[in-house]
């Protein structure tokens, strides 16, 4: 039985902890804050309840597998999963509205033809076929296996089978997601639909590789799901599964360093309690056979002895400079109308201007942003049927501190999805990037993106093993990247590397 110290109680870290505990190891999780879940938090006020992190769950099979592998109770016995249908409603700049059914290619084709005109559905359907090919080519090495030294194959080979595009005596193939939209979809609204999937993860579609086509494909193929009571209920279920498997949690415990002994990780240093209160203690060292770090790269670099990054020369660089997310939580008078879509994406007229402000040299909040509106049909989130809880989210530059006028503009944009919205607002809470920093320690509140193939490896995440033996990384800032499913996958990979050793090649 090995002693394992886990830094942070995020979703990936807890997924690893539960699997390691079932394998017979003694696992202790040290969490700097007073609760679990990382960015998956909840705000409760006046009978209203809001997720302050992710609001929807793609690829629930990742967490179903976690619960199957760590106990007899399946995930659905602990939380209620609801398939969101329609998957999303889109409101485009020209006033066109589109509702896409959940996980139905035929339904999507029909809805697109009806909303955007004949041929739109066929072009989107053909795109999904090519996106599936990219998914099939990369799914296992990119998501289900540890990132091995030959990662350059993933970095250099573009898995998306672009269609040759002939223009002015030149034939080109799309190398970026934006070019896929321009060359293959040929409709500004289809392009906006495609690019919104990248933007939701903080990626610039003009530079994201064509392999980013797997992002809308995942949603199409595996559906979009909601956890009754909010995604925080999923975090609760994972935490309780850890506790049931005798994982120990120490909250309010800040790790200030990773102990190195004989050339390997040998434990963690904890911050001392300088309050002077009865029972307070100075800094202490906890010995461990393995250390699992569920923190951002900048935080990890501060914890490792010496000045050389544990990721080492020649290894995949961590994604840096990623944007953050601004969330506006709205408590509304009057109930949710019957038939309301759970999710609506409101697209701006000036998409290029939005991207320039988000990803340009002088980043700032765009004058017009893509706004995602979440309106769950869930009585647990409101004091009674005469009220509604709505969440607005936009991608913003990391570190942004929004002015009240910025928030007003976001709410005004959302009114295209909810007529009369501003007159219904009882109160609002704003969750800025600084709040994410406070909860997770990530500089600027940046949100990691899923790992993607091609682009020279720029959008791969560093491997779960490090150049310091005994030290492993887990969560969105390590392979296979950000997002709830990817965090769960990273937990499975780290557990496999510790239990089975460096020759572990992923689940079969």
Protein backbone atom coordinates (compact mmCIF):
# COMPACT_ATOMS: atom_id res chain seq x y z
CA UNK A 1 0.00 0.00 0.00
CA UNK A 2 1.51 3.31 -1.12
CA UNK A 3 0.99 6.66 0.56
CA UNK A 4 -0.32 9.16 -1.96
CA UNK A 5 -0.65 12.91 -1.41
CA UNK A 6 -3.05 14.71 -3.75
CA UNK A 7 -2.82 18.48 -4.10
CA UNK A 8 -6.23 20.01 -4.73
CA UNK A 9 -9.76 18.61 -4.68
CA UNK A 10 -10.74 19.40 -8.25
CA UNK A 11 -12.71 16.93 -10.37
CA UNK A 12 -9.65 15.30 -11.96
CA UNK A 13 -7.86 15.04 -8.62
CA UNK A 14 -10.87 13.41 -6.94
CA UNK A 15 -11.31 11.02 -9.88
CA UNK A 16 -7.70 9.90 -9.43
CA UNK A 17 -8.06 9.68 -5.64
CA UNK A 18 -11.11 7.41 -5.81
CA UNK A 19 -9.45 5.03 -8.27
CA UNK A 20 -6.21 4.91 -6.29
CA UNK A 21 -8.06 4.23 -3.03
CA UNK A 22 -9.92 1.30 -4.63
CA UNK A 23 -6.54 -0.05 -5.73
CA UNK A 24 -5.55 -0.28 -2.07
CA UNK A 25 -3.52 2.88 -1.59
CA UNK A 26 -3.76 5.35 1.30
CA UNK A 27 -4.82 8.63 -0.29
CA UNK A 28 -4.94 12.03 1.39
CA UNK A 29 -6.21 15.11 -0.48
CA UNK A 30 -4.94 18.53 0.62
CA UNK A 31 -7.24 21.34 -0.51
CA UNK A 32 -6.36 25.01 -0.03
CA UNK A 33 -9.99 26.14 0.22
CA UNK A 34 -12.76 24.83 2.44
CA UNK A 35 -14.60 22.72 -0.12
CA UNK A 36 -14.17 20.28 -2.99
CA UNK A 37 -14.84 20.58 -6.72
CA UNK A 38 -12.25 23.07 -7.95
CA UNK A 39 -14.10 25.37 -10.33
CA UNK A 40 -17.32 23.33 -9.96
CA UNK A 41 -18.94 25.44 -7.28
CA UNK A 42 -22.40 26.64 -6.30
CA UNK A 43 -23.87 29.96 -5.20
CA UNK A 44 -27.02 29.93 -3.05
CA UNK A 45 -28.92 33.11 -2.24
CA UNK A 46 -32.54 33.87 -1.36
CA UNK A 47 -33.71 30.42 -2.38
CA UNK A 48 -31.92 30.57 -5.75
CA UNK A 49 -29.09 28.18 -6.62
CA UNK A 50 -26.56 28.54 -9.43
CA UNK A 51 -23.64 26.56 -10.79
CA UNK A 52 -20.70 28.95 -10.90
CA UNK A 53 -18.60 26.64 -13.09
CA UNK A 54 -19.70 24.36 -15.93
CA UNK A 55 -23.46 24.12 -16.37
CA UNK A 56 -23.68 21.10 -18.69
CA UNK A 57 -22.02 17.70 -18.90
CA UNK A 58 -20.78 16.26 -22.20
CA UNK A 59 -19.58 12.65 -22.43
CA UNK A 60 -21.17 11.36 -19.19
CA UNK A 61 -19.67 7.93 -19.95
CA UNK A 62 -16.42 9.15 -18.37
CA UNK A 63 -18.09 9.52 -14.97
CA UNK A 64 -20.21 6.42 -15.43
CA UNK A 65 -16.95 4.52 -15.84
CA UNK A 66 -15.49 6.15 -12.72
CA UNK A 67 -18.41 5.00 -10.58
CA UNK A 68 -18.45 1.50 -12.06
CA UNK A 69 -14.72 1.09 -11.39
CA UNK A 70 -14.88 2.43 -7.82
CA UNK A 71 -17.97 0.73 -6.42
CA UNK A 72 -21.23 -1.08 -6.92
CA UNK A 73 -23.45 2.02 -7.08
CA UNK A 74 -23.67 3.38 -10.64
CA UNK A 75 -23.63 7.11 -11.29
CA UNK A 76 -27.36 7.22 -12.03
CA UNK A 77 -28.15 5.86 -8.57
CA UNK A 78 -26.50 8.92 -7.03
CA UNK A 79 -27.42 11.75 -9.40
CA UNK A 80 -30.16 12.24 -11.98
CA UNK A 81 -28.85 12.78 -15.50
CA UNK A 82 -31.18 14.56 -17.92
CA UNK A 83 -30.53 14.71 -21.65
CA UNK A 84 -30.92 18.30 -22.84
CA UNK A 85 -33.23 18.57 -25.84
CA UNK A 86 -32.91 20.65 -27.88
CA UNK A 87 -29.17 20.53 -27.41
CA UNK A 88 -29.04 24.27 -28.07
CA UNK A 89 -31.04 27.08 -29.55
CA UNK A 90 -29.03 29.55 -31.62
CA UNK A 91 -30.03 33.16 -32.23
CA UNK A 92 -28.00 34.60 -35.11
CA UNK A 93 -27.18 38.22 -35.87
CA UNK A 94 -29.71 38.42 -38.71
CA UNK A 95 -32.53 37.27 -36.43
CA UNK A 96 -32.57 33.68 -37.67
CA UNK A 97 -33.27 31.14 -34.92
CA UNK A 98 -32.24 27.49 -34.93
CA UNK A 99 -32.96 24.71 -32.43
CA UNK A 100 -30.68 21.70 -32.79
CA UNK A 101 -31.98 18.38 -31.45
CA UNK A 102 -29.77 16.41 -29.12
CA UNK A 103 -27.61 13.66 -30.67
CA UNK A 104 -29.62 13.28 -33.88
CA UNK A 105 -27.93 13.74 -37.24
CA UNK A 106 -31.18 13.43 -39.19
CA UNK A 107 -32.89 15.84 -36.82
CA UNK A 108 -30.05 18.34 -37.12
CA UNK A 109 -30.10 18.18 -40.92
CA UNK A 110 -33.86 18.77 -40.97
CA UNK A 111 -33.69 21.63 -38.47
CA UNK A 112 -30.87 23.34 -40.38
CA UNK A 113 -32.68 23.08 -43.70
CA UNK A 114 -35.83 24.53 -42.15
CA UNK A 115 -34.03 27.42 -40.42
CA UNK A 116 -31.22 28.27 -42.84
CA UNK A 117 -32.50 27.02 -46.17
CA UNK A 118 -32.03 23.97 -48.36
CA UNK A 119 -28.51 22.59 -48.48
CA UNK A 120 -27.44 23.86 -45.05
CA UNK A 121 -28.33 20.57 -43.36
CA UNK A 122 -26.49 18.51 -45.96
CA UNK A 123 -23.32 20.61 -45.62
CA UNK A 124 -23.42 20.31 -41.82
CA UNK A 125 -24.13 16.59 -42.02
CA UNK A 126 -21.18 16.06 -44.39
CA UNK A 127 -19.00 18.07 -42.02
CA UNK A 128 -20.00 15.83 -39.11
CA UNK A 129 -18.96 12.76 -41.12
CA UNK A 130 -15.48 14.26 -41.61
CA UNK A 131 -15.37 15.34 -37.95
CA UNK A 132 -16.13 11.76 -36.95
CA UNK A 133 -13.13 10.61 -38.95
CA UNK A 134 -10.93 13.07 -37.05
CA UNK A 135 -12.43 11.78 -33.79
CA UNK A 136 -11.78 8.15 -34.71
CA UNK A 137 -8.18 8.94 -35.61
CA UNK A 138 -7.36 10.76 -32.40
CA UNK A 139 -9.71 9.46 -29.70
CA UNK A 140 -7.47 6.82 -28.23
CA UNK A 141 -4.02 8.43 -28.42
CA UNK A 142 -5.36 11.85 -27.50
CA UNK A 143 -7.83 10.97 -24.74
CA UNK A 144 -7.47 7.40 -23.52
CA UNK A 145 -3.69 6.90 -23.41
CA UNK A 146 -0.93 8.69 -21.52
CA UNK A 147 0.96 11.20 -23.64
CA UNK A 148 4.14 9.39 -24.61
CA UNK A 149 7.42 10.86 -25.95
CA UNK A 150 6.25 10.24 -29.53
CA UNK A 151 3.56 12.91 -29.11
CA UNK A 152 5.07 14.67 -32.14
CA UNK A 153 2.97 12.38 -34.34
CA UNK A 154 -0.15 13.96 -32.86
CA UNK A 155 1.37 17.41 -33.14
CA UNK A 156 2.25 17.26 -36.82
CA UNK A 157 -0.50 15.21 -38.41
CA UNK A 158 -3.81 16.95 -39.09
CA UNK A 159 -6.49 14.26 -38.61
CA UNK A 160 -9.35 16.24 -40.12
CA UNK A 161 -9.92 15.21 -43.79
CA UNK A 162 -10.41 18.65 -45.31
CA UNK A 163 -12.21 19.00 -48.63
CA UNK A 164 -10.08 20.62 -51.38
CA UNK A 165 -11.27 24.16 -52.04
CA UNK A 166 -10.59 25.68 -55.45
CA UNK A 167 -10.56 29.44 -55.84
CA UNK A 168 -8.84 31.66 -58.42
CA UNK A 169 -6.86 28.79 -59.94
CA UNK A 170 -5.60 27.73 -56.49
CA UNK A 171 -6.62 24.65 -54.56
CA UNK A 172 -6.43 24.82 -50.77
CA UNK A 173 -7.45 22.63 -47.88
CA UNK A 174 -8.60 23.97 -44.55
CA UNK A 175 -5.94 24.01 -41.86
CA UNK A 176 -7.90 25.98 -39.24
CA UNK A 177 -11.43 25.69 -37.92
CA UNK A 178 -12.32 29.07 -39.44
CA UNK A 179 -11.19 27.82 -42.85
CA UNK A 180 -13.32 24.70 -42.43
CA UNK A 181 -16.30 27.00 -41.99
CA UNK A 182 -15.38 29.24 -44.91
CA UNK A 183 -14.44 26.50 -47.39
CA UNK A 184 -16.88 23.73 -46.48
CA UNK A 185 -19.95 25.26 -44.80
CA UNK A 186 -20.26 28.44 -46.90
CA UNK A 187 -22.90 30.12 -44.75
CA UNK A 188 -22.15 32.80 -42.17
CA UNK A 189 -24.64 31.30 -39.74
CA UNK A 190 -23.17 27.80 -40.10
CA UNK A 191 -19.73 29.33 -39.58
CA UNK A 192 -20.94 31.07 -36.44
CA UNK A 193 -22.41 27.78 -35.20
CA UNK A 194 -19.14 25.96 -35.83
CA UNK A 195 -16.88 28.62 -34.36
CA UNK A 196 -18.98 29.01 -31.21
CA UNK A 197 -17.84 25.55 -30.10
CA UNK A 198 -14.20 26.65 -30.17
CA UNK A 199 -14.95 29.99 -28.53
CA UNK A 200 -16.75 28.26 -25.66
CA UNK A 201 -13.41 26.64 -24.77
CA UNK A 202 -11.46 29.89 -25.17
CA UNK A 203 -9.99 28.97 -28.57
CA UNK A 204 -9.60 31.37 -31.49
CA UNK A 205 -11.16 29.57 -34.48
CA UNK A 206 -8.83 31.48 -36.80
CA UNK A 207 -5.82 29.73 -35.28
CA UNK A 208 -7.37 26.56 -33.80
CA UNK A 209 -6.50 23.59 -36.03
CA UNK A 210 -9.10 21.92 -38.22
CA UNK A 211 -8.97 19.05 -35.71
CA UNK A 212 -11.09 21.27 -33.42
CA UNK A 213 -13.95 19.85 -35.47
CA UNK A 214 -14.06 17.11 -32.83
CA UNK A 215 -15.59 19.61 -30.36
CA UNK A 216 -18.99 19.95 -32.09
CA UNK A 217 -18.77 16.27 -33.06
CA UNK A 218 -18.51 15.18 -29.41
CA UNK A 219 -21.64 17.13 -28.56
CA UNK A 220 -23.47 15.75 -31.59
CA UNK A 221 -22.43 12.12 -31.05
CA UNK A 222 -22.68 11.79 -27.27
CA UNK A 223 -25.29 14.37 -26.44
CA UNK A 224 -25.50 17.14 -23.89
CA UNK A 225 -26.57 16.34 -20.36
CA UNK A 226 -27.68 18.20 -17.26
CA UNK A 227 -27.38 16.97 -13.69
CA UNK A 228 -30.58 17.59 -11.75
CA UNK A 229 -29.80 20.07 -8.99
CA UNK A 230 -26.84 21.43 -10.96
CA UNK A 231 -23.40 20.16 -11.94
CA UNK A 232 -22.30 20.73 -8.34
CA UNK A 233 -24.28 17.57 -7.58
CA UNK A 234 -21.82 15.63 -9.73
CA UNK A 235 -18.94 17.03 -7.69
CA UNK A 236 -20.77 16.04 -4.51
CA UNK A 237 -21.24 12.49 -5.78
CA UNK A 238 -17.55 12.15 -6.69
CA UNK A 239 -16.51 13.55 -3.31
CA UNK A 240 -18.80 11.17 -1.44
CA UNK A 241 -17.51 8.25 -3.48
CA UNK A 242 -13.97 9.23 -2.43
CA UNK A 243 -15.00 9.37 1.23
CA UNK A 244 -16.75 6.01 0.95
CA UNK A 245 -13.50 4.55 -0.37
CA UNK A 246 -11.64 6.04 2.63
CA UNK A 247 -9.94 8.90 0.87
CA UNK A 248 -9.03 11.47 3.52
CA UNK A 249 -9.66 15.15 2.81
CA UNK A 250 -7.84 17.95 4.62
CA UNK A 251 -9.47 21.28 3.82
CA UNK A 252 -7.88 24.65 4.49
CA UNK A 253 -4.49 23.00 3.91
CA UNK A 254 -2.26 24.94 1.55
CA UNK A 255 0.61 23.01 0.02
CA UNK A 256 3.67 25.28 -0.21
CA UNK A 257 6.17 22.82 -1.62
CA UNK A 258 6.82 19.33 -2.92
CA UNK A 259 9.48 17.44 -1.02
CA UNK A 260 12.23 15.84 -3.10
CA UNK A 261 14.37 13.03 -1.71
CA UNK A 262 16.85 10.84 -3.56
CA UNK A 263 15.77 12.31 -6.87
CA UNK A 264 12.03 11.69 -6.56
CA UNK A 265 8.93 13.26 -5.03
CA UNK A 266 8.69 12.19 -1.40
CA UNK A 267 5.91 14.28 0.12
CA UNK A 268 4.46 17.75 0.49
CA UNK A 269 5.08 20.76 2.69
CA UNK A 270 2.03 22.40 4.26
CA UNK A 271 1.69 26.06 5.20
CA UNK A 272 1.74 26.80 8.88
CA UNK A 273 -1.18 28.29 10.79
CA UNK A 274 0.05 31.65 12.02
CA UNK A 275 -3.23 32.72 13.62
CA UNK A 276 -2.07 31.89 17.13
CA UNK A 277 -5.41 30.22 17.85
CA UNK A 278 -5.54 27.16 20.14
CA UNK A 279 -4.50 24.10 18.20
CA UNK A 280 -2.71 26.11 15.50
CA UNK A 281 0.46 24.56 14.12
CA UNK A 282 3.50 25.60 12.18
CA UNK A 283 4.36 24.32 8.74
CA UNK A 284 4.72 20.57 8.47
CA UNK A 285 5.99 17.95 6.03
CA UNK A 286 3.84 14.98 5.04
CA UNK A 287 5.72 12.05 3.58
CA UNK A 288 4.33 10.25 0.54
CA UNK A 289 5.40 7.64 -1.98
CA UNK A 290 3.68 9.54 -4.81
CA UNK A 291 2.39 13.08 -5.21
CA UNK A 292 -0.50 13.93 -7.54
CA UNK A 293 -0.80 17.64 -8.33
CA UNK A 294 -4.12 18.98 -9.56
CA UNK A 295 -2.93 22.56 -10.02
CA UNK A 296 -2.09 24.91 -12.89
CA UNK A 297 1.47 24.86 -14.32
CA UNK A 298 2.43 28.20 -12.82
CA UNK A 299 1.37 26.95 -9.38
CA UNK A 300 3.18 23.64 -9.81
CA UNK A 301 6.42 25.36 -10.82
CA UNK A 302 6.39 27.26 -7.52
CA UNK A 303 5.98 24.04 -5.54
CA UNK A 304 8.85 22.06 -7.05
CA UNK A 305 12.35 22.41 -5.54
CA UNK A 306 14.90 24.24 -7.66
CA UNK A 307 14.35 26.47 -10.65
CA UNK A 308 13.92 23.96 -13.50
CA UNK A 309 10.37 23.16 -14.58
CA UNK A 310 9.38 19.55 -13.91
CA UNK A 311 8.00 19.45 -17.42
CA UNK A 312 11.51 19.58 -18.84
CA UNK A 313 13.01 20.60 -22.15
CA UNK A 314 11.46 19.08 -25.24
CA UNK A 315 8.19 18.24 -23.53
CA UNK A 316 4.80 19.60 -24.52
CA UNK A 317 4.41 23.17 -23.24
CA UNK A 318 1.37 23.91 -21.13
CA UNK A 319 -1.33 25.95 -22.83
CA UNK A 320 -0.74 29.50 -21.68
CA UNK A 321 -2.51 32.76 -22.31
CA UNK A 322 -5.90 31.06 -22.43
CA UNK A 323 -8.93 33.32 -21.94
CA UNK A 324 -11.20 33.16 -18.92
CA UNK A 325 -14.94 33.07 -18.40
CA UNK A 326 -17.26 35.76 -17.08
CA UNK A 327 -20.53 34.53 -15.60
CA UNK A 328 -23.59 36.58 -14.70
CA UNK A 329 -26.11 34.91 -12.39
CA UNK A 330 -29.61 36.34 -12.65
CA UNK A 331 -32.46 35.87 -10.19
CA UNK A 332 -35.67 36.58 -12.10
CA UNK A 333 -39.26 37.21 -11.16
CA UNK A 334 -41.86 35.16 -13.06
CA UNK A 335 -41.44 31.48 -13.85
CA UNK A 336 -39.71 29.75 -16.73
CA UNK A 337 -42.11 29.52 -19.71
CA UNK A 338 -42.99 26.00 -20.80
CA UNK A 339 -40.98 24.82 -23.80
CA UNK A 340 -38.03 27.11 -23.09
CA UNK A 341 -34.69 25.81 -24.38
CA UNK A 342 -32.20 24.90 -21.67
CA UNK A 343 -29.34 26.54 -23.58
CA UNK A 344 -29.41 29.43 -26.05
CA UNK A 345 -26.35 30.84 -27.81
CA UNK A 346 -26.69 34.46 -28.93
CA UNK A 347 -24.31 35.32 -31.77
CA UNK A 348 -23.02 38.87 -32.37
CA UNK A 349 -22.99 40.62 -35.74
CA UNK A 350 -19.27 41.43 -35.60
CA UNK A 351 -17.64 38.05 -35.01
CA UNK A 352 -14.24 39.21 -36.29
CA UNK A 353 -14.31 42.17 -33.94
CA UNK A 354 -15.10 39.87 -31.04
CA UNK A 355 -12.16 37.61 -31.87
CA UNK A 356 -9.81 40.58 -32.33
CA UNK A 357 -10.66 41.91 -28.88
CA UNK A 358 -10.35 38.51 -27.23
CA UNK A 359 -7.16 37.30 -28.88
CA UNK A 360 -5.47 40.45 -30.19
CA UNK A 361 -2.44 42.21 -28.80
CA UNK A 362 -4.61 44.60 -26.77
CA UNK A 363 -7.13 42.15 -25.38
CA UNK A 364 -10.31 43.46 -23.84
CA UNK A 365 -14.02 42.75 -23.55
CA UNK A 366 -15.59 42.90 -27.03
CA UNK A 367 -18.28 45.48 -27.71
CA UNK A 368 -20.48 42.55 -28.74
CA UNK A 369 -19.90 39.08 -27.35
CA UNK A 370 -21.21 35.58 -27.96
CA UNK A 371 -23.44 35.01 -24.93
CA UNK A 372 -24.51 31.56 -23.72
CA UNK A 373 -27.79 31.59 -21.81
CA UNK A 374 -28.63 28.67 -19.52
CA UNK A 375 -32.24 28.30 -18.31
CA UNK A 376 -32.53 24.93 -16.51
CA UNK A 377 -35.95 23.41 -15.95
CA UNK A 378 -35.16 22.50 -12.35
CA UNK A 379 -37.36 23.35 -9.35
CA UNK A 380 -34.37 22.76 -7.04
CA UNK A 381 -32.77 25.99 -8.31
CA UNK A 382 -35.56 28.45 -7.47
CA UNK A 383 -37.61 29.35 -4.40
CA UNK A 384 -40.88 28.58 -6.18
CA UNK A 385 -42.50 28.26 -9.60
CA UNK A 386 -42.90 32.05 -9.82
CA UNK A 387 -39.17 32.62 -10.22
CA UNK A 388 -36.41 31.59 -12.61
CA UNK A 389 -32.63 31.19 -12.27
CA UNK A 390 -30.67 32.14 -15.40
CA UNK A 391 -26.93 32.00 -16.03
CA UNK A 392 -25.16 34.05 -18.71
CA UNK A 393 -21.57 33.29 -19.68
CA UNK A 394 -19.09 34.86 -22.08
CA UNK A 395 -15.46 34.22 -22.93
CA UNK A 396 -13.26 37.10 -21.76
CA UNK A 397 -9.53 37.86 -21.53
CA UNK A 398 -7.83 36.34 -18.50
CA UNK A 399 -7.64 38.70 -15.55
CA UNK A 400 -10.48 40.92 -16.77
CA UNK A 401 -12.23 42.99 -14.10
CA UNK A 402 -15.55 43.92 -15.71
CA UNK A 403 -17.21 47.28 -15.19
CA UNK A 404 -20.91 47.49 -14.43
CA UNK A 405 -21.47 48.79 -17.97
CA UNK A 406 -19.83 45.63 -19.37
CA UNK A 407 -22.27 43.46 -17.43
CA UNK A 408 -25.18 45.64 -18.54
CA UNK A 409 -24.15 45.09 -22.15
CA UNK A 410 -24.05 41.30 -21.67
CA UNK A 411 -27.52 41.30 -20.11
CA UNK A 412 -28.79 43.48 -22.97
CA UNK A 413 -27.41 40.98 -25.50
CA UNK A 414 -29.09 38.12 -23.65
CA UNK A 415 -32.40 39.92 -24.04
CA UNK A 416 -32.37 38.73 -27.66
CA UNK A 417 -32.91 35.27 -26.17
CA UNK A 418 -35.17 36.35 -23.30
CA UNK A 419 -37.42 39.28 -24.31
CA UNK A 420 -38.06 41.63 -21.40
CA UNK A 421 -35.17 40.16 -19.42
CA UNK A 422 -33.99 43.39 -17.78
CA UNK A 423 -37.45 44.09 -16.36
CA UNK A 424 -37.51 40.68 -14.66
CA UNK A 425 -34.18 40.93 -12.82
CA UNK A 426 -34.47 40.85 -9.01
CA UNK A 427 -30.73 40.79 -8.49
CA UNK A 428 -27.56 39.64 -10.17
CA UNK A 429 -24.21 38.23 -9.11
CA UNK A 430 -21.12 38.55 -11.30
CA UNK A 431 -18.42 35.88 -11.30
CA UNK A 432 -15.27 37.38 -12.80
CA UNK A 433 -11.92 35.71 -13.64
CA UNK A 434 -10.62 36.87 -10.26
CA UNK A 435 -13.17 34.65 -8.54
CA UNK A 436 -11.81 31.65 -10.48
CA UNK A 437 -8.30 32.58 -9.36
CA UNK A 438 -9.43 32.73 -5.75
CA UNK A 439 -11.07 29.31 -5.95
CA UNK A 440 -8.48 27.46 -8.04
CA UNK A 441 -5.25 29.48 -7.81
CA UNK A 442 -5.04 29.71 -11.62
CA UNK A 443 -3.44 33.04 -12.64
CA UNK A 444 -5.92 35.34 -14.35
CA UNK A 445 -8.71 32.81 -13.89
CA UNK A 446 -7.80 31.22 -17.23
CA UNK A 447 -9.81 28.19 -18.29
CA UNK A 448 -7.89 25.30 -19.96
CA UNK A 449 -9.04 23.93 -23.30
CA UNK A 450 -9.25 20.26 -24.32
CA UNK A 451 -6.15 18.88 -25.99
CA UNK A 452 -6.25 18.99 -29.79
CA UNK A 453 -4.10 17.31 -32.40
CA UNK A 454 -2.02 19.14 -35.05
CA UNK A 455 -0.97 22.83 -34.70
CA UNK A 456 2.58 21.72 -33.91
CA UNK A 457 1.48 20.47 -30.50
CA UNK A 458 0.52 23.98 -29.37
CA UNK A 459 -2.83 22.71 -28.10
CA UNK A 460 -1.63 19.52 -26.47
CA UNK A 461 -1.33 19.51 -22.71
CA UNK A 462 1.75 18.28 -20.80
CA UNK A 463 1.86 14.61 -19.91
CA UNK A 464 0.56 13.32 -16.58
CA UNK A 465 4.00 12.03 -15.60
CA UNK A 466 6.78 14.55 -14.99
CA UNK A 467 10.58 14.61 -15.06
CA UNK A 468 10.51 14.27 -11.26
CA UNK A 469 9.80 10.59 -10.56
CA UNK A 470 6.87 10.07 -8.23
CA UNK A 471 5.21 13.35 -9.22
CA UNK A 472 2.13 13.26 -11.48
CA UNK A 473 -0.22 15.96 -12.74
CA UNK A 474 -3.98 15.70 -13.08
CA UNK A 475 -6.85 17.94 -14.12
CA UNK A 476 -7.50 20.38 -16.92
CA UNK A 477 -3.96 21.73 -17.10
CA UNK A 478 -2.48 18.34 -17.91
CA UNK A 479 -3.17 15.70 -20.54
CA UNK A 480 -5.85 15.41 -21.98
CA UNK A 481 -6.89 18.97 -21.13
CA UNK A 482 -9.81 21.01 -19.89
CA UNK A 483 -13.50 20.23 -19.56
CA UNK A 484 -15.34 17.90 -17.19
CA UNK A 485 -14.90 14.72 -19.27
CA UNK A 486 -11.21 15.40 -19.84
CA UNK A 487 -10.65 15.98 -16.13
CA UNK A 488 -12.19 12.59 -15.40
CA UNK A 489 -10.01 10.99 -18.09
CA UNK A 490 -6.86 12.51 -16.58
CA UNK A 491 -7.76 10.96 -13.23
CA UNK A 492 -8.01 7.53 -14.86
CA UNK A 493 -4.65 7.99 -16.60
CA UNK A 494 -2.83 9.06 -13.45
CA UNK A 495 -4.28 6.17 -11.46
CA UNK A 496 -3.17 3.76 -14.19
CA UNK A 497 0.37 5.16 -14.24
CA UNK A 498 0.70 4.78 -10.47
CA UNK A 499 -0.96 1.39 -10.14
CA UNK A 500 0.44 -0.29 -13.25
CA UNK A 501 3.66 1.67 -13.66
CA UNK A 502 5.24 3.60 -16.56
CA UNK A 503 4.29 0.92 -19.12
CA UNK A 504 0.58 1.66 -18.61
CA UNK A 505 -1.05 2.24 -22.01
CA UNK A 506 -4.60 3.14 -21.04
CA UNK A 507 -7.75 1.09 -20.61
CA UNK A 508 -8.55 -1.37 -23.37
